[in-house]
Structures are given as C-alpha cells and as structure tokens.
Amino acid sequence: MTDWDRVKHFTRGEFGRHGGIEPDPDLVRMLDAARDIAGVPFEINSGVRSPERNREVGGVDTSAHLTGHAADIRCPSSRHRFVMMAALIEAGFRRIGVGETFIHVDTDPGKPQDVIWTYS
C-alpha cells in the first residue's frame, strides 16, 4: 500500500479508481522519482481503469491499467518527451509506451521487461 503522505508530486485521486484496486506502490514511487529528475510536471491522463473504460479507450484485455500497474502521462511537446523519457528510465521504468501526446509506463511483472513501444 502506498503511503500517500510520502508522495511528493501526486495524489491518490490522480490515479483513478475501480473496484478497490490501488495503484502499485512501485509505480507511484518511480513516477514520483522521475518527476523529481525531470523537473517538469507529470499529469496523469489514465491510471486504474475499469474493464469498461479500458474497452472504451481501446486498451487490450491484459492491460496493466486493470491491475493498477500502469499510468499514462500527458506529454505536451517533443522536448518534454525527451526529458520525461530520460527521467523515467533513470527512475527504473523498464516498460514504456510512447504515444503522440502521452507516455505509458507500467510495472507489470508478468509482462516482458526492457521494452519501449510506440502507438499509432
């Protein structure tokens, strides 16, 4: 369980809610560290999702969002993308998806590690 009093840059509410699922503490800790490293805001677009919401946004049936292991972060420019990606990797993320306007990170231990993919 995440100790939200120790989280510097995020609140529990930013990660969404569904069925009592909590964001993975490692996900929150690493995002908080990456935000410190990057020195730019990290706005969570999507965190914990219900199966219905996941289908609405085109998420896969095995999405890490369903288990609290993923977050999508708003990325407003290519410069932000560079700074954010460097910080996310330095903070220890090993699964990163890159979209045009967001970066997906997850800590799902059941999925391949040391991967970066793009969304079309």
N, C-alpha and C. Protein backbone atom coordinates (compact mmCIF):
# COMPACT_ATOMS: atom_id res chain seq x y z
N MET A 1 0.85 -1.18 0.00
CA MET A 1 0.00 0.00 0.00
C MET A 1 0.89 1.25 0.00
N THR A 2 0.54 2.19 -0.82
CA THR A 2 1.31 3.43 -0.94
C THR A 2 1.06 4.33 0.27
N ASP A 3 2.11 4.89 0.83
CA ASP A 3 2.00 5.89 1.89
C ASP A 3 1.92 7.25 1.20
N TRP A 4 0.70 7.71 0.97
CA TRP A 4 0.49 8.93 0.18
C TRP A 4 1.06 10.17 0.84
N ASP A 5 1.28 10.14 2.16
CA ASP A 5 1.89 11.28 2.84
C ASP A 5 3.35 11.46 2.41
N ARG A 6 3.97 10.42 1.88
CA ARG A 6 5.37 10.50 1.45
C ARG A 6 5.51 10.78 -0.04
N VAL A 7 4.40 10.83 -0.77
CA VAL A 7 4.44 11.08 -2.21
C VAL A 7 4.44 12.58 -2.43
N LYS A 8 5.44 13.05 -3.12
CA LYS A 8 5.68 14.50 -3.26
C LYS A 8 4.84 15.14 -4.36
N HIS A 9 4.68 14.47 -5.50
CA HIS A 9 4.12 15.13 -6.68
C HIS A 9 2.72 14.67 -7.09
N PHE A 10 2.17 13.66 -6.44
CA PHE A 10 0.89 13.11 -6.88
C PHE A 10 -0.05 12.91 -5.70
N THR A 11 -1.34 12.84 -6.02
CA THR A 11 -2.35 12.49 -5.02
C THR A 11 -3.00 11.18 -5.45
N ARG A 12 -3.61 10.51 -4.52
CA ARG A 12 -4.28 9.23 -4.83
C ARG A 12 -5.31 9.42 -5.93
N GLY A 13 -6.06 10.52 -5.88
CA GLY A 13 -7.13 10.76 -6.84
C GLY A 13 -6.69 10.84 -8.28
N GLU A 14 -5.46 11.23 -8.52
CA GLU A 14 -4.96 11.34 -9.89
C GLU A 14 -4.86 10.00 -10.61
N PHE A 15 -4.86 8.92 -9.87
CA PHE A 15 -4.66 7.59 -10.45
C PHE A 15 -5.96 6.86 -10.76
N GLY A 16 -7.11 7.46 -10.50
CA GLY A 16 -8.38 6.83 -10.81
C GLY A 16 -8.74 5.75 -9.82
N ARG A 17 -9.98 5.25 -9.96
CA ARG A 17 -10.48 4.24 -9.03
C ARG A 17 -11.34 3.24 -9.77
N HIS A 18 -11.24 2.00 -9.31
CA HIS A 18 -12.17 0.97 -9.76
C HIS A 18 -12.05 -0.24 -8.84
N GLY A 19 -13.18 -0.63 -8.28
CA GLY A 19 -13.27 -1.87 -7.53
C GLY A 19 -12.24 -2.07 -6.44
N GLY A 20 -11.81 -1.04 -5.79
CA GLY A 20 -10.85 -1.18 -4.70
C GLY A 20 -9.42 -1.42 -5.13
N ILE A 21 -9.16 -1.36 -6.44
CA ILE A 21 -7.79 -1.56 -6.93
C ILE A 21 -6.97 -0.30 -6.64
N GLU A 22 -5.82 -0.50 -6.04
CA GLU A 22 -4.91 0.60 -5.72
C GLU A 22 -3.76 0.63 -6.72
N PRO A 23 -3.22 1.81 -7.00
CA PRO A 23 -2.03 1.87 -7.86
C PRO A 23 -0.87 1.12 -7.20
N ASP A 24 -0.10 0.44 -7.99
CA ASP A 24 1.06 -0.28 -7.49
C ASP A 24 2.00 0.70 -6.79
N PRO A 25 2.41 0.41 -5.55
CA PRO A 25 3.32 1.32 -4.84
C PRO A 25 4.62 1.59 -5.59
N ASP A 26 5.16 0.59 -6.28
CA ASP A 26 6.39 0.82 -7.06
C ASP A 26 6.14 1.80 -8.20
N LEU A 27 5.00 1.68 -8.86
CA LEU A 27 4.64 2.61 -9.93
C LEU A 27 4.63 4.04 -9.40
N VAL A 28 3.97 4.26 -8.28
CA VAL A 28 3.85 5.60 -7.70
C VAL A 28 5.22 6.12 -7.26
N ARG A 29 5.99 5.28 -6.61
CA ARG A 29 7.32 5.68 -6.13
C ARG A 29 8.22 6.07 -7.30
N MET A 30 8.21 5.26 -8.35
CA MET A 30 9.07 5.53 -9.51
C MET A 30 8.60 6.77 -10.27
N LEU A 31 7.29 6.97 -10.39
CA LEU A 31 6.79 8.19 -11.04
C LEU A 31 7.19 9.42 -10.24
N ASP A 32 7.09 9.33 -8.92
CA ASP A 32 7.47 10.46 -8.07
C ASP A 32 8.95 10.79 -8.25
N ALA A 33 9.79 9.76 -8.30
CA ALA A 33 11.22 9.97 -8.51
C ALA A 33 11.49 10.55 -9.89
N ALA A 34 10.81 10.03 -10.91
CA ALA A 34 11.01 10.53 -12.28
C ALA A 34 10.60 11.99 -12.39
N ARG A 35 9.54 12.37 -11.72
CA ARG A 35 9.09 13.77 -11.73
C ARG A 35 10.16 14.66 -11.12
N ASP A 36 10.78 14.22 -10.05
CA ASP A 36 11.89 14.99 -9.44
C ASP A 36 13.04 15.14 -10.42
N ILE A 37 13.40 14.07 -11.08
CA ILE A 37 14.52 14.07 -12.02
C ILE A 37 14.23 14.98 -13.21
N ALA A 38 13.02 14.88 -13.76
CA ALA A 38 12.66 15.61 -14.98
C ALA A 38 12.53 17.11 -14.76
N GLY A 39 12.00 17.49 -13.62
CA GLY A 39 11.80 18.92 -13.36
C GLY A 39 10.69 19.54 -14.19
N VAL A 40 9.80 18.70 -14.74
CA VAL A 40 8.63 19.19 -15.47
C VAL A 40 7.40 18.47 -14.91
N PRO A 41 6.22 19.09 -15.02
CA PRO A 41 5.02 18.44 -14.49
C PRO A 41 4.72 17.11 -15.18
N PHE A 42 4.20 16.18 -14.41
CA PHE A 42 3.69 14.91 -14.93
C PHE A 42 2.19 14.89 -14.63
N GLU A 43 1.37 14.99 -15.65
CA GLU A 43 -0.08 14.95 -15.48
C GLU A 43 -0.56 13.55 -15.86
N ILE A 44 -1.20 12.87 -14.92
CA ILE A 44 -1.70 11.52 -15.17
C ILE A 44 -2.99 11.62 -15.97
N ASN A 45 -2.96 11.08 -17.20
CA ASN A 45 -4.16 11.03 -18.05
C ASN A 45 -5.03 9.83 -17.70
N SER A 46 -4.40 8.73 -17.34
CA SER A 46 -5.12 7.49 -17.08
C SER A 46 -4.30 6.62 -16.14
N GLY A 47 -4.96 6.12 -15.12
CA GLY A 47 -4.31 5.22 -14.17
C GLY A 47 -5.10 3.93 -14.10
N VAL A 48 -5.68 3.66 -12.93
CA VAL A 48 -6.52 2.48 -12.74
C VAL A 48 -7.75 2.61 -13.62
N ARG A 49 -8.06 1.55 -14.38
CA ARG A 49 -9.24 1.56 -15.26
C ARG A 49 -10.15 0.38 -14.95
N SER A 50 -11.44 0.62 -15.16
CA SER A 50 -12.41 -0.47 -15.13
C SER A 50 -12.31 -1.19 -16.47
N PRO A 51 -12.76 -2.43 -16.55
CA PRO A 51 -12.76 -3.12 -17.85
C PRO A 51 -13.56 -2.35 -18.91
N GLU A 52 -14.66 -1.72 -18.49
CA GLU A 52 -15.48 -0.95 -19.44
C GLU A 52 -14.70 0.25 -19.98
N ARG A 53 -14.07 0.98 -19.10
CA ARG A 53 -13.29 2.15 -19.52
C ARG A 53 -12.12 1.71 -20.40
N ASN A 54 -11.51 0.61 -20.04
CA ASN A 54 -10.39 0.11 -20.82
C ASN A 54 -10.83 -0.20 -22.25
N ARG A 55 -11.99 -0.83 -22.41
CA ARG A 55 -12.50 -1.11 -23.75
C ARG A 55 -12.80 0.19 -24.50
N GLU A 56 -13.39 1.17 -23.81
CA GLU A 56 -13.73 2.45 -24.44
C GLU A 56 -12.51 3.14 -25.05
N VAL A 57 -11.37 3.04 -24.38
CA VAL A 57 -10.17 3.72 -24.86
C VAL A 57 -9.29 2.83 -25.74
N GLY A 58 -9.77 1.63 -26.04
CA GLY A 58 -9.03 0.74 -26.93
C GLY A 58 -7.92 -0.05 -26.26
N GLY A 59 -7.99 -0.16 -24.93
CA GLY A 59 -6.98 -0.92 -24.21
C GLY A 59 -7.11 -2.42 -24.45
N VAL A 60 -6.01 -3.14 -24.34
CA VAL A 60 -6.03 -4.59 -24.51
C VAL A 60 -6.62 -5.26 -23.27
N ASP A 61 -7.10 -6.49 -23.44
CA ASP A 61 -7.73 -7.21 -22.33
C ASP A 61 -6.78 -7.48 -21.18
N THR A 62 -5.49 -7.49 -21.45
CA THR A 62 -4.49 -7.75 -20.41
C THR A 62 -3.79 -6.47 -19.95
N SER A 63 -4.45 -5.33 -20.13
CA SER A 63 -3.85 -4.04 -19.80
C SER A 63 -3.42 -3.97 -18.34
N ALA A 64 -2.23 -3.43 -18.12
CA ALA A 64 -1.73 -3.21 -16.77
C ALA A 64 -2.54 -2.15 -16.03
N HIS A 65 -3.32 -1.35 -16.74
CA HIS A 65 -4.20 -0.37 -16.09
C HIS A 65 -5.27 -1.08 -15.24
N LEU A 66 -5.66 -2.27 -15.63
CA LEU A 66 -6.72 -3.01 -14.94
C LEU A 66 -6.28 -3.49 -13.56
N THR A 67 -4.97 -3.61 -13.35
CA THR A 67 -4.45 -4.11 -12.08
C THR A 67 -3.73 -3.04 -11.27
N GLY A 68 -3.76 -1.80 -11.74
CA GLY A 68 -3.10 -0.71 -11.02
C GLY A 68 -1.61 -0.61 -11.27
N HIS A 69 -1.11 -1.29 -12.30
CA HIS A 69 0.31 -1.29 -12.60
C HIS A 69 0.71 -0.31 -13.70
N ALA A 70 -0.22 0.56 -14.16
CA ALA A 70 0.12 1.43 -15.29
C ALA A 70 -0.43 2.84 -15.11
N ALA A 71 0.25 3.76 -15.78
CA ALA A 71 -0.22 5.14 -15.86
C ALA A 71 0.18 5.71 -17.21
N ASP A 72 -0.70 6.53 -17.75
CA ASP A 72 -0.39 7.30 -18.95
C ASP A 72 -0.19 8.75 -18.51
N ILE A 73 0.89 9.33 -18.97
CA ILE A 73 1.28 10.69 -18.57
C ILE A 73 1.18 11.61 -19.78
N ARG A 74 0.54 12.74 -19.60
CA ARG A 74 0.42 13.72 -20.68
C ARG A 74 1.81 14.19 -21.09
N CYS A 75 2.01 14.31 -22.40
CA CYS A 75 3.31 14.75 -22.93
C CYS A 75 3.05 15.85 -23.95
N PRO A 76 3.20 17.13 -23.58
CA PRO A 76 2.78 18.23 -24.43
C PRO A 76 3.72 18.62 -25.58
N SER A 77 4.96 18.12 -25.58
CA SER A 77 5.88 18.53 -26.65
C SER A 77 7.00 17.51 -26.79
N SER A 78 7.72 17.60 -27.89
CA SER A 78 8.84 16.68 -28.11
C SER A 78 9.95 16.92 -27.07
N ARG A 79 10.15 18.16 -26.68
CA ARG A 79 11.16 18.46 -25.64
C ARG A 79 10.77 17.81 -24.32
N HIS A 80 9.48 17.93 -23.94
CA HIS A 80 9.01 17.26 -22.73
C HIS A 80 9.20 15.75 -22.85
N ARG A 81 8.89 15.20 -24.02
CA ARG A 81 9.03 13.75 -24.23
C ARG A 81 10.47 13.31 -23.96
N PHE A 82 11.42 14.04 -24.47
CA PHE A 82 12.83 13.69 -24.27
C PHE A 82 13.19 13.72 -22.78
N VAL A 83 12.84 14.80 -22.12
CA VAL A 83 13.17 14.97 -20.69
C VAL A 83 12.45 13.91 -19.85
N MET A 84 11.19 13.69 -20.16
CA MET A 84 10.40 12.71 -19.40
C MET A 84 10.92 11.29 -19.60
N MET A 85 11.20 10.93 -20.85
CA MET A 85 11.71 9.58 -21.13
C MET A 85 13.03 9.33 -20.41
N ALA A 86 13.93 10.28 -20.46
CA ALA A 86 15.21 10.12 -19.77
C ALA A 86 14.99 9.92 -18.27
N ALA A 87 14.09 10.71 -17.69
CA ALA A 87 13.82 10.61 -16.25
C ALA A 87 13.14 9.29 -15.90
N LEU A 88 12.21 8.85 -16.72
CA LEU A 88 11.51 7.58 -16.46
C LEU A 88 12.48 6.41 -16.48
N ILE A 89 13.39 6.41 -17.43
CA ILE A 89 14.39 5.35 -17.49
C ILE A 89 15.33 5.42 -16.29
N GLU A 90 15.76 6.62 -15.96
CA GLU A 90 16.65 6.78 -14.79
C GLU A 90 15.96 6.34 -13.50
N ALA A 91 14.65 6.56 -13.40
CA ALA A 91 13.89 6.17 -12.21
C ALA A 91 13.63 4.67 -12.14
N GLY A 92 13.95 3.95 -13.22
CA GLY A 92 13.85 2.50 -13.17
C GLY A 92 12.75 1.86 -13.99
N PHE A 93 11.99 2.63 -14.76
CA PHE A 93 10.95 2.02 -15.58
C PHE A 93 11.58 1.17 -16.67
N ARG A 94 11.00 -0.01 -16.88
CA ARG A 94 11.52 -0.97 -17.86
C ARG A 94 10.47 -1.34 -18.90
N ARG A 95 9.31 -0.68 -18.83
CA ARG A 95 8.22 -0.87 -19.81
C ARG A 95 7.64 0.50 -20.12
N ILE A 96 7.85 0.98 -21.33
CA ILE A 96 7.42 2.33 -21.71
C ILE A 96 6.79 2.29 -23.09
N GLY A 97 5.63 2.90 -23.20
CA GLY A 97 4.97 3.06 -24.49
C GLY A 97 4.90 4.54 -24.82
N VAL A 98 5.17 4.89 -26.07
CA VAL A 98 5.23 6.29 -26.47
C VAL A 98 4.12 6.59 -27.48
N GLY A 99 3.24 7.50 -27.10
CA GLY A 99 2.19 7.97 -27.99
C GLY A 99 2.49 9.39 -28.44
N GLU A 100 1.68 9.91 -29.30
CA GLU A 100 1.88 11.27 -29.81
C GLU A 100 1.74 12.31 -28.71
N THR A 101 0.79 12.09 -27.79
CA THR A 101 0.52 13.09 -26.75
C THR A 101 0.66 12.54 -25.33
N PHE A 102 1.17 11.31 -25.20
CA PHE A 102 1.30 10.71 -23.87
C PHE A 102 2.43 9.70 -23.85
N ILE A 103 2.85 9.37 -22.63
CA ILE A 103 3.80 8.28 -22.40
C ILE A 103 3.14 7.32 -21.42
N HIS A 104 3.14 6.04 -21.77
CA HIS A 104 2.62 4.98 -20.91
C HIS A 104 3.80 4.36 -20.17
N VAL A 105 3.65 4.16 -18.87
CA VAL A 105 4.63 3.40 -18.10
C VAL A 105 3.89 2.35 -17.29
N ASP A 106 4.55 1.21 -17.10
CA ASP A 106 3.93 0.22 -16.22
C ASP A 106 4.98 -0.61 -15.52
N THR A 107 4.53 -1.23 -14.44
CA THR A 107 5.39 -2.05 -13.59
C THR A 107 4.86 -3.48 -13.53
N ASP A 108 4.15 -3.90 -14.56
CA ASP A 108 3.54 -5.23 -14.58
C ASP A 108 4.63 -6.30 -14.63
N PRO A 109 4.79 -7.07 -13.55
CA PRO A 109 5.88 -8.05 -13.52
C PRO A 109 5.66 -9.24 -14.45
N GLY A 110 4.44 -9.43 -14.92
CA GLY A 110 4.13 -10.56 -15.78
C GLY A 110 4.33 -10.30 -17.26
N LYS A 111 4.81 -9.11 -17.59
CA LYS A 111 5.00 -8.74 -19.00
C LYS A 111 6.48 -8.58 -19.31
N PRO A 112 6.83 -8.67 -20.61
CA PRO A 112 8.25 -8.50 -20.98
C PRO A 112 8.82 -7.19 -20.45
N GLN A 113 10.07 -7.25 -20.03
CA GLN A 113 10.76 -6.09 -19.46
C GLN A 113 11.77 -5.54 -20.50
N ASP A 114 12.27 -4.35 -20.20
CA ASP A 114 13.26 -3.68 -21.05
C ASP A 114 12.74 -3.50 -22.48
N VAL A 115 11.51 -2.91 -22.56
CA VAL A 115 10.87 -2.68 -23.85
C VAL A 115 10.35 -1.25 -23.92
N ILE A 116 10.42 -0.69 -25.12
CA ILE A 116 9.80 0.59 -25.45
C ILE A 116 9.05 0.37 -26.75
N TRP A 117 7.78 0.76 -26.79
CA TRP A 117 6.97 0.60 -28.00
C TRP A 117 6.29 1.93 -28.32
N THR A 118 5.74 2.01 -29.52
CA THR A 118 5.02 3.21 -29.96
C THR A 118 3.56 2.86 -30.24
N TYR A 119 2.72 3.85 -30.15
CA TYR A 119 1.31 3.74 -30.50
C TYR A 119 1.08 4.49 -31.81
N SER A 120 0.25 3.91 -32.69
CA SER A 120 -0.04 4.62 -33.93
C SER A 120 -1.41 5.25 -33.89
